[in-house]
Amino acid sequence: MALNKPMPYSTRLYRAVGFTKGYNFYLWLLLSLGLGGFVLMRLKYLDLYGTFCGSASGGRDLAVPGECFYHLQPGRYQIGIMVHLACILPASALALSQFVPAFRRRALWLHRINGYIATVLCVAATIGVLAILRRTMGGGIDTQSMTGLLAIIVFYSSYKGIVSARRHQIEQHRAWMLRAWVNAGAIVTMRVILITSSMILSFVGDYYYVEPCAKINFILQGENATLARYPECAPFFSGEDPNRHIAVKADVIRRDKVAIGAMINMVFGMSGWLAIAIHAFGVELYLHLTSTERRTAKSVKLQQNGVDNALKAD
């Protein structure tokens, strides 16, 4: 008598959480580790004044150099970043469980509630980003257009996903929510591209980015320090040109806060566009492959049911 071979540990692992295919599990794991790690590392940012913008309490800013110049100003920029941080971190954490098959099958009611909460928080977080869009990460047209496109993708996909769920169109619901969250996950891939491109361009050298003197003064914390490094900002301090902007050498190797901020601002939009393209292509490819697989499985099941019914009739 042949002995049953023990099931591989990896197979037992992905079947335990409800996946029937190994590659589905590993793709989910990759997304979960990326998004989950991103959330965990940024939970401390919920303390806006003590950690994210630590300079407000005499400490050190963990935000990109110069960003807190806008975030600490009362009004839309301060409110926008607070709403964004307070909503996107819990939304991302809740979203991770939504794509676990075992969770959906064993607690469908909780899956629905969790999904609505995650979607509402994600939409609110996106609105918060749109409020600070004019100034965040340099506020360049590349950054504004990239963020605007990502917001449209998230809004539209979330809307279509909810409508599909209410109509009990489960396959469409799955597809649209995958589009929403996989594309939203581009913010993680974007950081990898940003770091890599910043290092490469710093080694190449001779890249410059225009920054306002008011922001540079905030980073260097004083008129004397600012004029010593950037005498071109003199018209800003004299009042002759309160909106004075100057070219700053972009570099992340010199450990110069102004140069680091300039480099990050310069490559932020490009990194976002490339990350969105990668994620958009990836999710559509995944949906195409899995939809074909599901149709084949459904066809086989229907044929088997037909054979079984025919045998019963005989």
Foldseek 3Di string as FASTA:
>chain_A
DDDDDDDDPLCVVLVVLPDPDSVVVVVLVVLCCLLVVVLVVCPVCLPPCCECVNVNVPDDHPHQQLLVLQCVDPDLNVVLVNLLNVQQSVLSVLVSSLPRNNCCVPCVVVSVVSLVSSLVSVLSNLVSCLSNLCPPLNNDPLSNVLSVVLNVLLVVLSVQLVVCVVVVVVLSNVLSVLSNSLLVSLVSQLVVVLVVVQAVDQVVWDDKAKDWLSSVCVRQVDDVSSCVVPVVCVCCVVVVCVRDIDIDTAHDPVVDSVNPSRSSSVCNSVSSVVSSVVSNVVSVVVSVVVVVVVVVVVVVVVVVVVVVVVVVVD
